Amino acid sequence: AEGIQVLDSPLFSVNLAAVETNIVMIN
């Protein structure tokens, strides 16, 4: 998730605060 966040993509993002377990939801 942090890797996706670093991309700072206009196409997709991640809410890092919501990554609490083994699941990552990509917006």
PDB file of all heavy atoms in Angstrom:
ATOM      1  N   ALA A   1       0.832  -1.208   0.000  1.00  0.00           N
ATOM      2  CA  ALA A   1       0.000   0.000   0.000  1.00  0.00           C
ATOM      3  C   ALA A   1       0.868   1.260   0.000  1.00  0.00           C
ATOM      4  O   ALA A   1       0.560   2.229  -0.704  1.00  0.00           O
ATOM      5  CB  ALA A   1      -0.931  -0.007   1.210  1.00  0.00           C
ATOM      6  N   GLU A   2       1.935   1.240   0.763  1.00  0.00           N
ATOM      7  CA  GLU A   2       2.842   2.393   0.789  1.00  0.00           C
ATOM      8  C   GLU A   2       3.488   2.594  -0.583  1.00  0.00           C
ATOM      9  O   GLU A   2       3.698   3.734  -1.003  1.00  0.00           O
ATOM     10  CB  GLU A   2       3.904   2.207   1.867  1.00  0.00           C
ATOM     11  CG  GLU A   2       3.338   2.348   3.270  1.00  0.00           C
ATOM     12  CD  GLU A   2       4.293   1.891   4.366  1.00  0.00           C
ATOM     13  OE1 GLU A   2       5.325   1.251   4.043  1.00  0.00           O
ATOM     14  OE2 GLU A   2       3.991   2.160   5.537  1.00  0.00           O
ATOM     15  N   GLY A   3       3.784   1.498  -1.288  1.00  0.00           N
ATOM     16  CA  GLY A   3       4.330   1.593  -2.633  1.00  0.00           C
ATOM     17  C   GLY A   3       3.359   2.256  -3.595  1.00  0.00           C
ATOM     18  O   GLY A   3       3.763   3.048  -4.454  1.00  0.00           O
ATOM     19  N   ILE A   4       2.081   1.959  -3.451  1.00  0.00           N
ATOM     20  CA  ILE A   4       1.062   2.591  -4.294  1.00  0.00           C
ATOM     21  C   ILE A   4       0.955   4.077  -3.935  1.00  0.00           C
ATOM     22  O   ILE A   4       0.878   4.937  -4.813  1.00  0.00           O
ATOM     23  CB  ILE A   4      -0.300   1.890  -4.142  1.00  0.00           C
ATOM     24  CG1 ILE A   4      -0.222   0.479  -4.724  1.00  0.00           C
ATOM     25  CG2 ILE A   4      -1.408   2.695  -4.817  1.00  0.00           C
ATOM     26  CD1 ILE A   4      -1.444  -0.359  -4.471  1.00  0.00           C
ATOM     27  N   GLN A   5       0.991   4.363  -2.654  1.00  0.00           N
ATOM     28  CA  GLN A   5       0.896   5.752  -2.198  1.00  0.00           C
ATOM     29  C   GLN A   5       2.037   6.599  -2.757  1.00  0.00           C
ATOM     30  O   GLN A   5       1.826   7.726  -3.196  1.00  0.00           O
ATOM     31  CB  GLN A   5       0.911   5.786  -0.661  1.00  0.00           C
ATOM     32  CG  GLN A   5       0.586   7.120  -0.065  1.00  0.00           C
ATOM     33  CD  GLN A   5      -0.902   7.414  -0.106  1.00  0.00           C
ATOM     34  OE1 GLN A   5      -1.720   6.575  -0.473  1.00  0.00           O
ATOM     35  NE2 GLN A   5      -1.260   8.610   0.263  1.00  0.00           N
ATOM     36  N   VAL A   6       3.249   6.045  -2.789  1.00  0.00           N
ATOM     37  CA  VAL A   6       4.428   6.760  -3.289  1.00  0.00           C
ATOM     38  C   VAL A   6       4.286   7.101  -4.773  1.00  0.00           C
ATOM     39  O   VAL A   6       4.803   8.115  -5.237  1.00  0.00           O
ATOM     40  CB  VAL A   6       5.712   5.923  -3.036  1.00  0.00           C
ATOM     41  CG1 VAL A   6       6.897   6.459  -3.803  1.00  0.00           C
ATOM     42  CG2 VAL A   6       6.008   5.886  -1.551  1.00  0.00           C
ATOM     43  N   LEU A   7       3.566   6.263  -5.521  1.00  0.00           N
ATOM     44  CA  LEU A   7       3.375   6.532  -6.945  1.00  0.00           C
ATOM     45  C   LEU A   7       2.639   7.853  -7.186  1.00  0.00           C
ATOM     46  O   LEU A   7       2.787   8.466  -8.230  1.00  0.00           O
ATOM     47  CB  LEU A   7       2.587   5.396  -7.610  1.00  0.00           C
ATOM     48  CG  LEU A   7       3.293   4.063  -7.763  1.00  0.00           C
ATOM     49  CD1 LEU A   7       2.327   3.018  -8.325  1.00  0.00           C
ATOM     50  CD2 LEU A   7       4.525   4.196  -8.632  1.00  0.00           C
ATOM     51  N   ASP A   8       1.824   8.272  -6.205  1.00  0.00           N
ATOM     52  CA  ASP A   8       1.048   9.502  -6.325  1.00  0.00           C
ATOM     53  C   ASP A   8       0.324   9.541  -7.673  1.00  0.00           C
ATOM     54  O   ASP A   8       0.399  10.511  -8.411  1.00  0.00           O
ATOM     55  CB  ASP A   8       1.954  10.720  -6.150  1.00  0.00           C
ATOM     56  CG  ASP A   8       1.158  11.985  -5.886  1.00  0.00           C
ATOM     57  OD1 ASP A   8       0.030  11.881  -5.358  1.00  0.00           O
ATOM     58  OD2 ASP A   8       1.641  13.070  -6.242  1.00  0.00           O
ATOM     59  N   SER A   9      -0.360   8.448  -7.960  1.00  0.00           N
ATOM     60  CA  SER A   9      -0.994   8.253  -9.258  1.00  0.00           C
ATOM     61  C   SER A   9      -2.331   8.975  -9.370  1.00  0.00           C
ATOM     62  O   SER A   9      -3.132   8.950  -8.435  1.00  0.00           O
ATOM     63  CB  SER A   9      -1.228   6.753  -9.480  1.00  0.00           C
ATOM     64  OG  SER A   9      -2.071   6.527 -10.581  1.00  0.00           O
ATOM     65  N   PRO A  10      -2.589   9.572 -10.527  1.00  0.00           N
ATOM     66  CA  PRO A  10      -3.927  10.123 -10.762  1.00  0.00           C
ATOM     67  C   PRO A  10      -4.929   9.010 -11.110  1.00  0.00           C
ATOM     68  O   PRO A  10      -6.127   9.260 -11.172  1.00  0.00           O
ATOM     69  CB  PRO A  10      -3.723  11.061 -11.957  1.00  0.00           C
ATOM     70  CG  PRO A  10      -2.546  10.497 -12.679  1.00  0.00           C
ATOM     71  CD  PRO A  10      -1.664   9.868 -11.634  1.00  0.00           C
ATOM     72  N   LEU A  11      -4.424   7.777 -11.332  1.00  0.00           N
ATOM     73  CA  LEU A  11      -5.290   6.664 -11.739  1.00  0.00           C
ATOM     74  C   LEU A  11      -5.813   5.852 -10.559  1.00  0.00           C
ATOM     75  O   LEU A  11      -6.925   5.342 -10.607  1.00  0.00           O
ATOM     76  CB  LEU A  11      -4.529   5.735 -12.691  1.00  0.00           C
ATOM     77  CG  LEU A  11      -3.983   6.364 -13.963  1.00  0.00           C
ATOM     78  CD1 LEU A  11      -3.180   5.348 -14.751  1.00  0.00           C
ATOM     79  CD2 LEU A  11      -5.113   6.928 -14.799  1.00  0.00           C
ATOM     80  N   PHE A  12      -4.989   5.678  -9.513  1.00  0.00           N
ATOM     81  CA  PHE A  12      -5.424   4.879  -8.365  1.00  0.00           C
ATOM     82  C   PHE A  12      -4.726   5.344  -7.105  1.00  0.00           C
ATOM     83  O   PHE A  12      -3.668   5.959  -7.144  1.00  0.00           O
ATOM     84  CB  PHE A  12      -5.215   3.382  -8.586  1.00  0.00           C
ATOM     85  CG  PHE A  12      -3.960   3.016  -9.327  1.00  0.00           C
ATOM     86  CD1 PHE A  12      -2.731   2.975  -8.697  1.00  0.00           C
ATOM     87  CD2 PHE A  12      -4.010   2.705 -10.679  1.00  0.00           C
ATOM     88  CE1 PHE A  12      -1.584   2.630  -9.393  1.00  0.00           C
ATOM     89  CE2 PHE A  12      -2.877   2.360 -11.375  1.00  0.00           C
ATOM     90  CZ  PHE A  12      -1.642   2.327 -10.717  1.00  0.00           C
ATOM     91  N   SER A  13      -5.352   5.050  -5.967  1.00  0.00           N
ATOM     92  CA  SER A  13      -4.811   5.469  -4.678  1.00  0.00           C
ATOM     93  C   SER A  13      -5.187   4.455  -3.602  1.00  0.00           C
ATOM     94  O   SER A  13      -6.013   3.570  -3.830  1.00  0.00           O
ATOM     95  CB  SER A  13      -5.355   6.845  -4.294  1.00  0.00           C
ATOM     96  OG  SER A  13      -6.750   6.766  -4.077  1.00  0.00           O
ATOM     97  N   VAL A  14      -4.573   4.642  -2.439  1.00  0.00           N
ATOM     98  CA  VAL A  14      -4.854   3.792  -1.282  1.00  0.00           C
ATOM     99  C   VAL A  14      -5.018   4.689  -0.064  1.00  0.00           C
ATOM    100  O   VAL A  14      -4.263   5.649   0.118  1.00  0.00           O
ATOM    101  CB  VAL A  14      -3.689   2.803  -1.040  1.00  0.00           C
ATOM    102  CG1 VAL A  14      -3.866   2.056   0.256  1.00  0.00           C
ATOM    103  CG2 VAL A  14      -3.558   1.828  -2.179  1.00  0.00           C
ATOM    104  N   ASN A  15      -5.985   4.372   0.764  1.00  0.00           N
ATOM    105  CA  ASN A  15      -6.142   5.048   2.045  1.00  0.00           C
ATOM    106  C   ASN A  15      -5.301   4.258   3.058  1.00  0.00           C
ATOM    107  O   ASN A  15      -5.730   3.213   3.548  1.00  0.00           O
ATOM    108  CB  ASN A  15      -7.616   5.079   2.445  1.00  0.00           C
ATOM    109  CG  ASN A  15      -7.842   5.670   3.817  1.00  0.00           C
ATOM    110  OD1 ASN A  15      -6.905   6.072   4.512  1.00  0.00           O
ATOM    111  ND2 ASN A  15      -9.097   5.728   4.217  1.00  0.00           N
ATOM    112  N   LEU A  16      -4.107   4.745   3.358  1.00  0.00           N
ATOM    113  CA  LEU A  16      -3.206   4.013   4.254  1.00  0.00           C
ATOM    114  C   LEU A  16      -3.806   3.789   5.639  1.00  0.00           C
ATOM    115  O   LEU A  16      -3.521   2.773   6.273  1.00  0.00           O
ATOM    116  CB  LEU A  16      -1.862   4.736   4.381  1.00  0.00           C
ATOM    117  CG  LEU A  16      -0.922   4.608   3.194  1.00  0.00           C
ATOM    118  CD1 LEU A  16       0.354   5.398   3.437  1.00  0.00           C
ATOM    119  CD2 LEU A  16      -0.593   3.155   2.904  1.00  0.00           C
ATOM    120  N   ALA A  17      -4.625   4.701   6.104  1.00  0.00           N
ATOM    121  CA  ALA A  17      -5.244   4.548   7.425  1.00  0.00           C
ATOM    122  C   ALA A  17      -6.171   3.330   7.469  1.00  0.00           C
ATOM    123  O   ALA A  17      -6.401   2.772   8.540  1.00  0.00           O
ATOM    124  CB  ALA A  17      -6.014   5.812   7.797  1.00  0.00           C
ATOM    125  N   ALA A  18      -6.672   2.908   6.319  1.00  0.00           N
ATOM    126  CA  ALA A  18      -7.584   1.763   6.258  1.00  0.00           C
ATOM    127  C   ALA A  18      -6.849   0.424   6.128  1.00  0.00           C
ATOM    128  O   ALA A  18      -7.481  -0.628   6.194  1.00  0.00           O
ATOM    129  CB  ALA A  18      -8.550   1.925   5.093  1.00  0.00           C
ATOM    130  N   VAL A  19      -5.541   0.454   5.959  1.00  0.00           N
ATOM    131  CA  VAL A  19      -4.764  -0.792   5.822  1.00  0.00           C
ATOM    132  C   VAL A  19      -4.335  -1.223   7.225  1.00  0.00           C
ATOM    133  O   VAL A  19      -3.289  -0.828   7.728  1.00  0.00           O
ATOM    134  CB  VAL A  19      -3.546  -0.609   4.891  1.00  0.00           C
ATOM    135  CG1 VAL A  19      -2.790  -1.924   4.747  1.00  0.00           C
ATOM    136  CG2 VAL A  19      -3.988  -0.096   3.525  1.00  0.00           C
ATOM    137  N   GLU A  20      -5.178  -2.040   7.840  1.00  0.00           N
ATOM    138  CA  GLU A  20      -4.929  -2.475   9.211  1.00  0.00           C
ATOM    139  C   GLU A  20      -4.535  -3.946   9.298  1.00  0.00           C
ATOM    140  O   GLU A  20      -3.944  -4.364  10.286  1.00  0.00           O
ATOM    141  CB  GLU A  20      -6.174  -2.249  10.061  1.00  0.00           C
ATOM    142  CG  GLU A  20      -6.577  -0.790  10.150  1.00  0.00           C
ATOM    143  CD  GLU A  20      -7.841  -0.612  10.956  1.00  0.00           C
ATOM    144  OE1 GLU A  20      -8.938  -0.800  10.396  1.00  0.00           O
ATOM    145  OE2 GLU A  20      -7.710  -0.295  12.152  1.00  0.00           O
ATOM    146  N   THR A  21      -4.894  -4.722   8.286  1.00  0.00           N
ATOM    147  CA  THR A  21      -4.613  -6.155   8.325  1.00  0.00           C
ATOM    148  C   THR A  21      -3.947  -6.560   7.016  1.00  0.00           C
ATOM    149  O   THR A  21      -3.086  -5.858   6.519  1.00  0.00           O
ATOM    150  CB  THR A  21      -5.907  -6.967   8.557  1.00  0.00           C
ATOM    151  OG1 THR A  21      -6.806  -6.746   7.469  1.00  0.00           O
ATOM    152  CG2 THR A  21      -6.575  -6.609   9.871  1.00  0.00           C
ATOM    153  N   ASN A  22      -4.358  -7.687   6.467  1.00  0.00           N
ATOM    154  CA  ASN A  22      -3.766  -8.237   5.247  1.00  0.00           C
ATOM    155  C   ASN A  22      -4.531  -7.848   3.989  1.00  0.00           C
ATOM    156  O   ASN A  22      -4.302  -8.411   2.930  1.00  0.00           O
ATOM    157  CB  ASN A  22      -3.704  -9.764   5.354  1.00  0.00           C
ATOM    158  CG  ASN A  22      -5.075 -10.396   5.467  1.00  0.00           C
ATOM    159  OD1 ASN A  22      -5.985  -9.851   6.086  1.00  0.00           O
ATOM    160  ND2 ASN A  22      -5.230 -11.552   4.880  1.00  0.00           N
ATOM    161  N   ILE A  23      -5.426  -6.880   4.091  1.00  0.00           N
ATOM    162  CA  ILE A  23      -6.265  -6.477   2.957  1.00  0.00           C
ATOM    163  C   ILE A  23      -5.947  -5.035   2.569  1.00  0.00           C
ATOM    164  O   ILE A  23      -5.893  -4.153   3.428  1.00  0.00           O
ATOM    165  CB  ILE A  23      -7.764  -6.613   3.296  1.00  0.00           C
ATOM    166  CG1 ILE A  23      -8.096  -8.071   3.620  1.00  0.00           C
ATOM    167  CG2 ILE A  23      -8.629  -6.090   2.154  1.00  0.00           C
ATOM    168  CD1 ILE A  23      -9.502  -8.296   4.141  1.00  0.00           C
ATOM    169  N   VAL A  24      -5.750  -4.832   1.265  1.00  0.00           N
ATOM    170  CA  VAL A  24      -5.529  -3.489   0.722  1.00  0.00           C
ATOM    171  C   VAL A  24      -6.619  -3.232  -0.312  1.00  0.00           C
ATOM    172  O   VAL A  24      -6.777  -4.002  -1.257  1.00  0.00           O
ATOM    173  CB  VAL A  24      -4.137  -3.359   0.056  1.00  0.00           C
ATOM    174  CG1 VAL A  24      -3.968  -1.991  -0.592  1.00  0.00           C
ATOM    175  CG2 VAL A  24      -3.025  -3.628   1.067  1.00  0.00           C
ATOM    176  N   MET A  25      -7.345  -2.147  -0.120  1.00  0.00           N
ATOM    177  CA  MET A  25      -8.361  -1.730  -1.074  1.00  0.00           C
ATOM    178  C   MET A  25      -7.769  -0.588  -1.895  1.00  0.00           C
ATOM    179  O   MET A  25      -7.369   0.440  -1.343  1.00  0.00           O
ATOM    180  CB  MET A  25      -9.630  -1.278  -0.358  1.00  0.00           C
ATOM    181  CG  MET A  25     -10.246  -2.357   0.542  1.00  0.00           C
ATOM    182  SD  MET A  25     -10.660  -3.893  -0.304  1.00  0.00           S
ATOM    183  CE  MET A  25     -12.194  -3.448  -1.068  1.00  0.00           C
ATOM    184  N   ILE A  26      -7.696  -0.792  -3.211  1.00  0.00           N
ATOM    185  CA  ILE A  26      -7.139   0.202  -4.127  1.00  0.00           C
ATOM    186  C   ILE A  26      -8.291   0.945  -4.777  1.00  0.00           C
ATOM    187  O   ILE A  26      -9.156   0.330  -5.403  1.00  0.00           O
ATOM    188  CB  ILE A  26      -6.256  -0.485  -5.191  1.00  0.00           C
ATOM    189  CG1 ILE A  26      -5.142  -1.286  -4.514  1.00  0.00           C
ATOM    190  CG2 ILE A  26      -5.696   0.543  -6.166  1.00  0.00           C
ATOM    191  CD1 ILE A  26      -4.440  -2.259  -5.438  1.00  0.00           C
ATOM    192  N   ASN A  27      -8.297   2.255  -4.614  1.00  0.00           N
ATOM    193  CA  ASN A  27      -9.343   3.096  -5.207  1.00  0.00           C
ATOM    194  C   ASN A  27      -8.930   3.454  -6.620  1.00  0.00           C
ATOM    195  O   ASN A  27      -7.850   4.001  -6.836  1.00  0.00           O
ATOM    196  CB  ASN A  27      -9.530   4.364  -4.376  1.00  0.00           C
ATOM    197  CG  ASN A  27      -9.848   4.044  -2.938  1.00  0.00           C
ATOM    198  OD1 ASN A  27     -10.752   3.275  -2.666  1.00  0.00           O
ATOM    199  ND2 ASN A  27      -9.084   4.607  -2.024  1.00  0.00           N
TER     200      ASN A  27
END
